């Protein structure tokens, strides 16, 4: 996670790899929230990272190995709607609150087979799996 301090701003190489492959605004959103959270949470880097990802997911969705702007701002899944103490599962950066048509379009973009017969929940799961695979592949090579 990014190093923080009064005169330190996160460098691109200190960001999570998925953000390193994303636009500058996504990087800035994460870094600014992370830095602020580190100050608020007494240098608890794990909590700061969760807070920064929660902020990022409000405006961005994970697509493959990077983050792209969402069509509409707002919580990305039931976990995000309830907040940090939620027991509901996270969608891992997939905008599970988006329309089925949007999820289908993302599945098409990522080449997910069988997408036309999938329910909305199945599309979310397939997108999570495809995103994780794309991220692993990008980190390896």
C-alpha atoms as a PDB file:
ATOM      1  CA  UNK A   1       0.000   0.000   0.000  1.00  0.00           C
ATOM      2  CA  UNK A   2       1.122   3.583  -0.516  1.00  0.00           C
ATOM      3  CA  UNK A   3       3.472   5.162   1.998  1.00  0.00           C
ATOM      4  CA  UNK A   4       1.920   8.182   3.589  1.00  0.00           C
ATOM      5  CA  UNK A   5       3.006  11.186   5.547  1.00  0.00           C
ATOM      6  CA  UNK A   6       2.672  14.937   5.538  1.00  0.00           C
ATOM      7  CA  UNK A   7       4.933  15.419   2.525  1.00  0.00           C
ATOM      8  CA  UNK A   8       4.393  12.084   0.811  1.00  0.00           C
ATOM      9  CA  UNK A   9       1.902  11.431  -1.921  1.00  0.00           C
ATOM     10  CA  UNK A  10       1.433   7.926  -3.282  1.00  0.00           C
ATOM     11  CA  UNK A  11       3.509   7.222  -6.371  1.00  0.00           C
ATOM     12  CA  UNK A  12       2.009   5.159  -9.152  1.00  0.00           C
ATOM     13  CA  UNK A  13       4.268   2.181  -8.353  1.00  0.00           C
ATOM     14  CA  UNK A  14       2.955   2.151  -4.760  1.00  0.00           C
ATOM     15  CA  UNK A  15      -0.656   1.643  -5.844  1.00  0.00           C
ATOM     16  CA  UNK A  16      -2.337  -1.758  -6.197  1.00  0.00           C
ATOM     17  CA  UNK A  17      -1.555  -3.193  -9.638  1.00  0.00           C
ATOM     18  CA  UNK A  18      -5.149  -2.879 -10.859  1.00  0.00           C
ATOM     19  CA  UNK A  19      -4.962   0.855 -10.196  1.00  0.00           C
ATOM     20  CA  UNK A  20      -1.582   1.170 -11.896  1.00  0.00           C
ATOM     21  CA  UNK A  21      -3.381   0.098 -15.084  1.00  0.00           C
ATOM     22  CA  UNK A  22      -6.254   2.570 -14.552  1.00  0.00           C
ATOM     23  CA  UNK A  23      -6.792   6.218 -15.399  1.00  0.00           C
ATOM     24  CA  UNK A  24      -5.214   8.963 -13.295  1.00  0.00           C
ATOM     25  CA  UNK A  25      -8.499  10.018 -11.702  1.00  0.00           C
ATOM     26  CA  UNK A  26      -9.055   6.491 -10.321  1.00  0.00           C
ATOM     27  CA  UNK A  27      -5.505   6.491  -8.964  1.00  0.00           C
ATOM     28  CA  UNK A  28      -6.024   9.899  -7.354  1.00  0.00           C
ATOM     29  CA  UNK A  29      -9.350   8.842  -5.801  1.00  0.00           C
ATOM     30  CA  UNK A  30      -7.749   5.811  -4.188  1.00  0.00           C
ATOM     31  CA  UNK A  31      -4.562   7.599  -3.080  1.00  0.00           C
ATOM     32  CA  UNK A  32      -6.299  10.626  -1.542  1.00  0.00           C
ATOM     33  CA  UNK A  33      -8.778   8.473   0.360  1.00  0.00           C
ATOM     34  CA  UNK A  34      -6.020   6.115   1.501  1.00  0.00           C
ATOM     35  CA  UNK A  35      -3.849   8.983   2.773  1.00  0.00           C
ATOM     36  CA  UNK A  36      -6.769  10.562   4.621  1.00  0.00           C
ATOM     37  CA  UNK A  37      -7.820   7.221   6.115  1.00  0.00           C
ATOM     38  CA  UNK A  38      -4.273   6.515   7.318  1.00  0.00           C
ATOM     39  CA  UNK A  39      -4.401   9.749   9.313  1.00  0.00           C
ATOM     40  CA  UNK A  40      -7.898   8.991  10.648  1.00  0.00           C
ATOM     41  CA  UNK A  41      -7.202   5.367  11.539  1.00  0.00           C
ATOM     42  CA  UNK A  42      -3.794   5.810  13.219  1.00  0.00           C
ATOM     43  CA  UNK A  43      -1.791   4.230  10.383  1.00  0.00           C
ATOM     44  CA  UNK A  44      -3.981   1.101  10.137  1.00  0.00           C
ATOM     45  CA  UNK A  45      -3.053   0.297   6.524  1.00  0.00           C
ATOM     46  CA  UNK A  46      -5.548  -2.555   6.187  1.00  0.00           C
ATOM     47  CA  UNK A  47      -8.491  -0.392   7.243  1.00  0.00           C
ATOM     48  CA  UNK A  48      -7.223   2.502   5.111  1.00  0.00           C
ATOM     49  CA  UNK A  49      -7.050   0.235   2.048  1.00  0.00           C
ATOM     50  CA  UNK A  50     -10.614  -1.037   2.629  1.00  0.00           C
ATOM     51  CA  UNK A  51     -11.813   2.563   2.944  1.00  0.00           C
ATOM     52  CA  UNK A  52      -9.963   3.620  -0.216  1.00  0.00           C
ATOM     53  CA  UNK A  53     -11.376   0.715  -2.237  1.00  0.00           C
ATOM     54  CA  UNK A  54     -14.880   1.504  -0.932  1.00  0.00           C
ATOM     55  CA  UNK A  55     -14.480   5.091  -2.135  1.00  0.00           C
ATOM     56  CA  UNK A  56     -13.119   3.953  -5.493  1.00  0.00           C
ATOM     57  CA  UNK A  57     -16.004   1.494  -6.020  1.00  0.00           C
ATOM     58  CA  UNK A  58     -18.495   4.344  -5.640  1.00  0.00           C
ATOM     59  CA  UNK A  59     -17.306   5.828  -8.949  1.00  0.00           C
ATOM     60  CA  UNK A  60     -15.432   2.987 -10.657  1.00  0.00           C
ATOM     61  CA  UNK A  61     -15.972  -0.673 -11.492  1.00  0.00           C
ATOM     62  CA  UNK A  62     -13.368  -3.340 -12.054  1.00  0.00           C
ATOM     63  CA  UNK A  63     -13.197  -4.439 -15.687  1.00  0.00           C
ATOM     64  CA  UNK A  64     -10.670  -7.169 -16.291  1.00  0.00           C
ATOM     65  CA  UNK A  65      -7.355  -6.052 -14.816  1.00  0.00           C
ATOM     66  CA  UNK A  66      -8.171  -2.360 -14.251  1.00  0.00           C
ATOM     67  CA  UNK A  67     -10.865   0.099 -13.092  1.00  0.00           C
ATOM     68  CA  UNK A  68     -13.206   2.087 -15.387  1.00  0.00           C
ATOM     69  CA  UNK A  69     -15.708   4.844 -14.563  1.00  0.00           C
ATOM     70  CA  UNK A  70     -19.194   3.597 -13.709  1.00  0.00           C
ATOM     71  CA  UNK A  71     -22.227   4.813 -15.633  1.00  0.00           C
ATOM     72  CA  UNK A  72     -23.815   5.988 -12.381  1.00  0.00           C
ATOM     73  CA  UNK A  73     -22.162   6.833  -9.076  1.00  0.00           C
ATOM     74  CA  UNK A  74     -23.267   4.905  -6.032  1.00  0.00           C
ATOM     75  CA  UNK A  75     -22.715   1.751  -4.015  1.00  0.00           C
ATOM     76  CA  UNK A  76     -21.626  -1.195  -6.147  1.00  0.00           C
ATOM     77  CA  UNK A  77     -23.230  -4.010  -4.158  1.00  0.00           C
ATOM     78  CA  UNK A  78     -25.228  -4.902  -1.036  1.00  0.00           C
ATOM     79  CA  UNK A  79     -22.057  -4.891   1.069  1.00  0.00           C
ATOM     80  CA  UNK A  80     -21.275  -1.316   0.027  1.00  0.00           C
ATOM     81  CA  UNK A  81     -24.849  -0.225   0.718  1.00  0.00           C
ATOM     82  CA  UNK A  82     -24.629  -1.474   4.321  1.00  0.00           C
ATOM     83  CA  UNK A  83     -21.104  -0.270   5.048  1.00  0.00           C
ATOM     84  CA  UNK A  84     -18.005  -1.668   6.687  1.00  0.00           C
ATOM     85  CA  UNK A  85     -19.871  -3.835   9.216  1.00  0.00           C
ATOM     86  CA  UNK A  86     -21.938  -5.574   6.532  1.00  0.00           C
ATOM     87  CA  UNK A  87     -22.012  -9.359   6.568  1.00  0.00           C
ATOM     88  CA  UNK A  88     -23.147  -9.463   2.934  1.00  0.00           C
ATOM     89  CA  UNK A  89     -20.539 -10.534   0.378  1.00  0.00           C
ATOM     90  CA  UNK A  90     -18.759  -7.987  -1.762  1.00  0.00           C
ATOM     91  CA  UNK A  91     -18.919  -8.219  -5.545  1.00  0.00           C
ATOM     92  CA  UNK A  92     -15.174  -7.605  -5.792  1.00  0.00           C
ATOM     93  CA  UNK A  93     -15.379  -4.411  -7.805  1.00  0.00           C
ATOM     94  CA  UNK A  94     -18.141  -5.600 -10.147  1.00  0.00           C
ATOM     95  CA  UNK A  95     -20.990  -3.080 -10.208  1.00  0.00           C
ATOM     96  CA  UNK A  96     -23.627  -5.592  -9.077  1.00  0.00           C
ATOM     97  CA  UNK A  97     -26.179  -2.777  -8.802  1.00  0.00           C
ATOM     98  CA  UNK A  98     -25.887  -2.016 -12.523  1.00  0.00           C
ATOM     99  CA  UNK A  99     -28.543  -3.213 -14.938  1.00  0.00           C
ATOM    100  CA  UNK A 100     -28.447  -6.735 -16.337  1.00  0.00           C
ATOM    101  CA  UNK A 101     -27.886  -5.175 -19.769  1.00  0.00           C
ATOM    102  CA  UNK A 102     -24.784  -3.368 -18.492  1.00  0.00           C
ATOM    103  CA  UNK A 103     -23.445  -6.546 -16.871  1.00  0.00           C
ATOM    104  CA  UNK A 104     -24.105  -8.448 -20.101  1.00  0.00           C
ATOM    105  CA  UNK A 105     -22.167  -5.783 -22.042  1.00  0.00           C
ATOM    106  CA  UNK A 106     -19.212  -6.120 -19.654  1.00  0.00           C
ATOM    107  CA  UNK A 107     -19.382  -9.929 -19.996  1.00  0.00           C
ATOM    108  CA  UNK A 108     -19.330  -9.535 -23.770  1.00  0.00           C
ATOM    109  CA  UNK A 109     -16.355  -7.174 -23.507  1.00  0.00           C
ATOM    110  CA  UNK A 110     -14.468  -9.787 -21.439  1.00  0.00           C
ATOM    111  CA  UNK A 111     -15.461 -12.689 -23.723  1.00  0.00           C
ATOM    112  CA  UNK A 112     -17.436 -14.630 -21.106  1.00  0.00           C
ATOM    113  CA  UNK A 113     -19.000 -17.674 -22.716  1.00  0.00           C
ATOM    114  CA  UNK A 114     -22.643 -18.580 -21.981  1.00  0.00           C
ATOM    115  CA  UNK A 115     -23.483 -15.019 -20.947  1.00  0.00           C
ATOM    116  CA  UNK A 116     -26.760 -14.900 -22.911  1.00  0.00           C
ATOM    117  CA  UNK A 117     -28.271 -17.598 -20.688  1.00  0.00           C
ATOM    118  CA  UNK A 118     -27.022 -16.185 -17.377  1.00  0.00           C
ATOM    119  CA  UNK A 119     -29.103 -14.527 -14.679  1.00  0.00           C
ATOM    120  CA  UNK A 120     -27.960 -11.195 -13.294  1.00  0.00           C
ATOM    121  CA  UNK A 121     -26.351 -12.905 -10.264  1.00  0.00           C
ATOM    122  CA  UNK A 122     -24.594 -15.392 -12.542  1.00  0.00           C
ATOM    123  CA  UNK A 123     -23.257 -12.516 -14.654  1.00  0.00           C
ATOM    124  CA  UNK A 124     -21.866 -10.833 -11.515  1.00  0.00           C
ATOM    125  CA  UNK A 125     -20.131 -14.068 -10.473  1.00  0.00           C
ATOM    126  CA  UNK A 126     -18.770 -14.667 -13.977  1.00  0.00           C
ATOM    127  CA  UNK A 127     -17.461 -11.104 -14.141  1.00  0.00           C
ATOM    128  CA  UNK A 128     -15.736 -11.492 -10.763  1.00  0.00           C
ATOM    129  CA  UNK A 129     -14.071 -14.684 -11.975  1.00  0.00           C
ATOM    130  CA  UNK A 130     -13.015 -13.092 -15.280  1.00  0.00           C
ATOM    131  CA  UNK A 131     -11.672  -9.997 -13.499  1.00  0.00           C
ATOM    132  CA  UNK A 132      -9.655 -12.118 -11.073  1.00  0.00           C
ATOM    133  CA  UNK A 133      -8.208 -14.179 -13.944  1.00  0.00           C
ATOM    134  CA  UNK A 134      -7.304 -11.032 -15.910  1.00  0.00           C
ATOM    135  CA  UNK A 135      -5.624  -9.502 -12.853  1.00  0.00           C
ATOM    136  CA  UNK A 136      -3.618 -12.676 -12.201  1.00  0.00           C
ATOM    137  CA  UNK A 137      -2.522 -12.799 -15.838  1.00  0.00           C
ATOM    138  CA  UNK A 138      -1.494  -9.122 -15.818  1.00  0.00           C
ATOM    139  CA  UNK A 139       0.559  -9.581 -12.639  1.00  0.00           C
ATOM    140  CA  UNK A 140       2.364 -12.587 -14.122  1.00  0.00           C
ATOM    141  CA  UNK A 141       3.392 -10.968 -17.323  1.00  0.00           C
END
